[in-house]
Each structure stands twice: as structure tokens, then as C-alpha cells.
N, C-alpha and C. Protein backbone atom coordinates (compact mmCIF):
# COMPACT_ATOMS: atom_id res chain seq x y z
N UNK A 1 92.92 97.29 138.84
CA UNK A 1 91.85 96.59 138.16
C UNK A 1 92.48 95.66 137.13
N UNK A 2 92.03 94.44 137.13
CA UNK A 2 92.45 93.46 136.14
C UNK A 2 91.23 93.08 135.32
N UNK A 3 91.39 93.15 134.00
CA UNK A 3 90.31 92.78 133.10
C UNK A 3 90.77 91.59 132.28
N UNK A 4 90.11 90.47 132.47
CA UNK A 4 90.41 89.30 131.65
C UNK A 4 89.70 89.45 130.31
N UNK A 5 90.42 89.16 129.26
CA UNK A 5 89.88 89.26 127.90
C UNK A 5 88.57 88.48 127.79
N UNK A 6 88.57 87.26 128.31
CA UNK A 6 87.38 86.39 128.20
C UNK A 6 86.17 87.03 128.88
N UNK A 7 86.38 87.68 130.03
CA UNK A 7 85.28 88.32 130.74
C UNK A 7 84.78 89.55 129.98
N UNK A 8 85.73 90.28 129.39
CA UNK A 8 85.36 91.48 128.64
C UNK A 8 84.53 91.12 127.43
N UNK A 9 84.94 90.10 126.71
CA UNK A 9 84.21 89.67 125.52
C UNK A 9 82.84 89.12 125.89
N UNK A 10 82.78 88.37 127.00
CA UNK A 10 81.52 87.77 127.42
C UNK A 10 80.51 88.81 127.91
N UNK A 11 80.99 89.88 128.55
CA UNK A 11 80.08 90.87 129.11
C UNK A 11 80.69 92.26 129.06
N UNK A 12 80.84 92.82 127.86
CA UNK A 12 81.52 94.12 127.73
C UNK A 12 80.82 95.25 128.48
N UNK A 13 79.50 95.24 128.50
CA UNK A 13 78.78 96.34 129.17
C UNK A 13 79.12 96.38 130.66
N UNK A 14 79.18 95.23 131.30
CA UNK A 14 79.53 95.16 132.72
C UNK A 14 80.95 95.71 132.94
N UNK A 15 81.87 95.31 132.09
CA UNK A 15 83.25 95.77 132.23
C UNK A 15 83.35 97.27 131.97
N UNK A 16 82.65 97.77 130.96
CA UNK A 16 82.65 99.22 130.71
C UNK A 16 82.14 99.97 131.94
N UNK A 17 81.07 99.49 132.55
CA UNK A 17 80.53 100.16 133.74
C UNK A 17 81.55 100.14 134.88
N UNK A 18 82.25 99.00 135.06
CA UNK A 18 83.26 98.92 136.10
C UNK A 18 84.41 99.90 135.85
N UNK A 19 84.82 100.02 134.59
CA UNK A 19 85.89 100.97 134.23
C UNK A 19 85.42 102.40 134.50
N UNK A 20 84.20 102.70 134.09
CA UNK A 20 83.67 104.04 134.32
C UNK A 20 83.59 104.37 135.81
N UNK A 21 83.16 103.40 136.61
CA UNK A 21 83.08 103.61 138.06
C UNK A 21 84.47 103.82 138.65
N UNK A 22 85.41 102.98 138.27
CA UNK A 22 86.77 103.08 138.81
C UNK A 22 87.44 104.40 138.43
N UNK A 23 87.29 104.81 137.18
CA UNK A 23 87.98 106.01 136.70
C UNK A 23 87.22 107.29 136.95
N UNK A 24 85.91 107.17 137.18
CA UNK A 24 85.09 108.37 137.32
C UNK A 24 84.83 109.05 135.99
N UNK A 25 85.05 108.32 134.91
CA UNK A 25 84.84 108.87 133.56
C UNK A 25 83.62 108.18 132.95
N UNK A 26 82.48 108.86 132.93
CA UNK A 26 81.27 108.25 132.36
C UNK A 26 81.26 108.34 130.84
N UNK A 27 80.46 107.47 130.24
CA UNK A 27 80.20 107.57 128.81
C UNK A 27 81.28 107.06 127.89
N UNK A 28 81.99 106.01 128.29
CA UNK A 28 82.98 105.42 127.39
C UNK A 28 82.26 104.97 126.12
N UNK A 29 82.84 105.28 124.99
CA UNK A 29 82.24 104.99 123.69
C UNK A 29 82.23 103.47 123.45
N UNK A 30 81.06 102.88 123.52
CA UNK A 30 80.93 101.42 123.34
C UNK A 30 81.18 101.00 121.90
N UNK A 31 81.16 101.91 120.95
CA UNK A 31 81.36 101.52 119.56
C UNK A 31 82.77 101.00 119.31
N UNK A 32 83.66 101.21 120.26
CA UNK A 32 85.01 100.65 120.12
C UNK A 32 84.95 99.13 119.97
N UNK A 33 83.92 98.50 120.50
CA UNK A 33 83.77 97.05 120.41
C UNK A 33 83.42 96.59 118.99
N UNK A 34 83.04 97.51 118.12
CA UNK A 34 82.70 97.13 116.75
C UNK A 34 83.86 97.34 115.80
N UNK A 35 84.99 97.78 116.30
CA UNK A 35 86.15 98.06 115.44
C UNK A 35 87.24 97.03 115.66
N UNK A 36 88.02 96.78 114.61
CA UNK A 36 89.14 95.84 114.70
C UNK A 36 90.45 96.61 114.71
N UNK A 37 91.44 96.02 115.32
CA UNK A 37 92.76 96.64 115.37
C UNK A 37 93.51 96.41 114.06
N UNK A 38 93.36 95.26 113.47
CA UNK A 38 94.17 94.87 112.31
C UNK A 38 93.54 95.26 110.97
N UNK A 39 92.86 96.37 110.93
CA UNK A 39 92.26 96.82 109.67
C UNK A 39 93.25 97.69 108.92
N UNK A 40 93.14 97.68 107.61
CA UNK A 40 93.98 98.52 106.78
C UNK A 40 93.35 99.91 106.73
N UNK A 41 94.00 100.92 107.32
CA UNK A 41 93.39 102.25 107.38
C UNK A 41 93.23 102.93 106.02
N UNK A 42 93.93 102.44 105.01
CA UNK A 42 93.80 103.03 103.68
C UNK A 42 92.55 102.57 102.96
N UNK A 43 92.11 101.35 103.27
CA UNK A 43 90.95 100.81 102.56
C UNK A 43 89.75 100.56 103.47
N UNK A 44 89.96 100.65 104.76
CA UNK A 44 88.88 100.37 105.72
C UNK A 44 88.94 101.41 106.84
N UNK A 45 88.58 102.62 106.51
CA UNK A 45 88.77 103.75 107.42
C UNK A 45 88.04 103.60 108.76
N UNK A 46 86.89 102.95 108.78
CA UNK A 46 86.18 102.81 110.05
C UNK A 46 86.43 101.46 110.72
N UNK A 47 87.33 100.65 110.16
CA UNK A 47 87.75 99.37 110.74
C UNK A 47 86.58 98.43 111.00
N UNK A 48 85.63 98.38 110.08
CA UNK A 48 84.48 97.49 110.26
C UNK A 48 84.34 96.46 109.14
N UNK A 49 85.13 96.57 108.11
CA UNK A 49 85.02 95.64 106.99
C UNK A 49 85.36 94.22 107.44
N UNK A 50 84.66 93.27 106.86
CA UNK A 50 84.98 91.87 107.17
C UNK A 50 85.86 91.23 106.11
N UNK A 51 86.10 91.93 105.01
CA UNK A 51 86.89 91.33 103.95
C UNK A 51 88.30 91.93 103.80
N UNK A 52 88.67 92.84 104.68
CA UNK A 52 89.99 93.47 104.58
C UNK A 52 90.78 93.26 105.88
N UNK A 53 90.52 92.18 106.54
CA UNK A 53 91.17 91.87 107.82
C UNK A 53 92.57 91.32 107.56
N UNK A 54 93.54 91.80 108.30
CA UNK A 54 94.92 91.31 108.20
C UNK A 54 95.21 90.47 109.43
N UNK A 55 95.27 89.18 109.26
CA UNK A 55 95.53 88.28 110.38
C UNK A 55 96.94 88.54 110.92
N UNK A 56 97.06 88.68 112.24
CA UNK A 56 98.38 88.91 112.80
C UNK A 56 99.26 87.68 112.66
N UNK A 57 100.54 87.89 112.49
CA UNK A 57 101.48 86.78 112.40
C UNK A 57 101.78 86.21 113.77
N UNK A 58 102.37 85.03 113.78
CA UNK A 58 102.77 84.42 115.04
C UNK A 58 103.93 85.20 115.64
N UNK A 59 104.02 85.19 116.96
CA UNK A 59 105.14 85.81 117.64
C UNK A 59 106.38 84.95 117.46
N UNK A 60 107.52 85.59 117.37
CA UNK A 60 108.78 84.84 117.31
C UNK A 60 109.09 84.32 118.71
N UNK A 61 110.02 83.38 118.81
CA UNK A 61 110.43 82.88 120.13
C UNK A 61 110.95 84.02 121.00
N UNK A 62 111.71 84.94 120.41
CA UNK A 62 112.23 86.08 121.17
C UNK A 62 111.10 86.96 121.69
N UNK A 63 110.06 87.16 120.88
CA UNK A 63 108.92 87.98 121.30
C UNK A 63 108.14 87.30 122.43
N UNK A 64 107.95 85.99 122.31
CA UNK A 64 107.27 85.24 123.36
C UNK A 64 108.07 85.31 124.66
N UNK A 65 109.38 85.12 124.57
CA UNK A 65 110.22 85.18 125.77
C UNK A 65 110.16 86.56 126.42
N UNK A 66 110.19 87.60 125.62
CA UNK A 66 110.11 88.95 126.16
C UNK A 66 108.76 89.18 126.85
N UNK A 67 107.69 88.79 126.18
CA UNK A 67 106.36 88.93 126.75
C UNK A 67 106.25 88.19 128.07
N UNK A 68 106.70 86.95 128.08
CA UNK A 68 106.58 86.16 129.31
C UNK A 68 107.51 86.67 130.42
N UNK A 69 108.66 87.22 130.06
CA UNK A 69 109.54 87.76 131.11
C UNK A 69 108.88 88.95 131.79
N UNK A 70 108.06 89.67 131.08
CA UNK A 70 107.38 90.84 131.65
C UNK A 70 106.04 90.49 132.29
N UNK A 71 105.36 89.49 131.77
CA UNK A 71 103.97 89.24 132.18
C UNK A 71 103.73 87.90 132.87
N UNK A 72 104.76 87.10 133.08
CA UNK A 72 104.57 85.76 133.64
C UNK A 72 103.79 85.79 134.95
N UNK A 73 104.13 86.68 135.87
CA UNK A 73 103.44 86.72 137.16
C UNK A 73 101.95 87.03 136.99
N UNK A 74 101.64 87.93 136.07
CA UNK A 74 100.24 88.25 135.81
C UNK A 74 99.52 87.06 135.20
N UNK A 75 100.16 86.41 134.24
CA UNK A 75 99.56 85.22 133.62
C UNK A 75 99.31 84.14 134.68
N UNK A 76 100.26 83.93 135.57
CA UNK A 76 100.07 82.93 136.64
C UNK A 76 98.92 83.32 137.54
N UNK A 77 98.88 84.58 137.95
CA UNK A 77 97.81 85.05 138.84
C UNK A 77 96.44 84.87 138.21
N UNK A 78 96.37 85.02 136.89
CA UNK A 78 95.10 84.88 136.19
C UNK A 78 94.86 83.45 135.72
N UNK A 79 95.79 82.55 136.07
CA UNK A 79 95.68 81.12 135.76
C UNK A 79 95.59 80.83 134.26
N UNK A 80 96.38 81.56 133.48
CA UNK A 80 96.45 81.27 132.06
C UNK A 80 97.37 80.09 131.83
N UNK A 81 96.97 79.24 130.89
CA UNK A 81 97.74 78.05 130.55
C UNK A 81 99.12 78.43 130.01
N UNK A 82 100.13 77.67 130.38
CA UNK A 82 101.47 77.90 129.87
C UNK A 82 102.27 78.94 130.62
N UNK A 83 101.69 79.56 131.63
CA UNK A 83 102.40 80.62 132.35
C UNK A 83 103.46 80.08 133.27
N UNK A 84 103.39 78.82 133.65
CA UNK A 84 104.34 78.27 134.61
C UNK A 84 105.71 78.02 133.99
N UNK A 85 105.77 77.85 132.68
CA UNK A 85 107.05 77.51 132.05
C UNK A 85 107.93 78.71 131.88
């Protein structure tokens, strides 16, 4: 199963149902969509605050190269821009 970020954001309920069908695990907690990854757990325990968000930094060239060496074929298959280089 491949889940494109754009499709998940556009229609999370549909994607959740597809995941549940594929895995046979019903009742995935949809509230995960209301939480952020980059929250400070010391000041924002439920990861819902809008004023304590930590913007992620840019990837270094080495990190980009590593990511692309591992994921280039997937990026190409999904027609993401920049995957050909």
C-alpha cells in the first residue's frame, strides 16, 4: 500500500478506512490527525497548541542525498518533482 501525503490530507477518512481494511485492524484513532509531531512535550503535552510549534529545520545536503539514495525510486513512481536528479 502506498499512501501519498496529499491524498491523506485531502481525504483522511478514506485513507483510514483503506488502512483498516488492508490490516484488518478496525477503529484506528482518528484523533491522531489533530496532533502535531513538532510539539514541545514539556509545554504542550497533547500536541495541540498553536503557539508552541517548533518549525523543522532544513535538511542538510548530506541528509537530502541519503534520503534520495533510499527513496528515489519511490519518489519517481509517485511522480514527485525533483526525483529524477
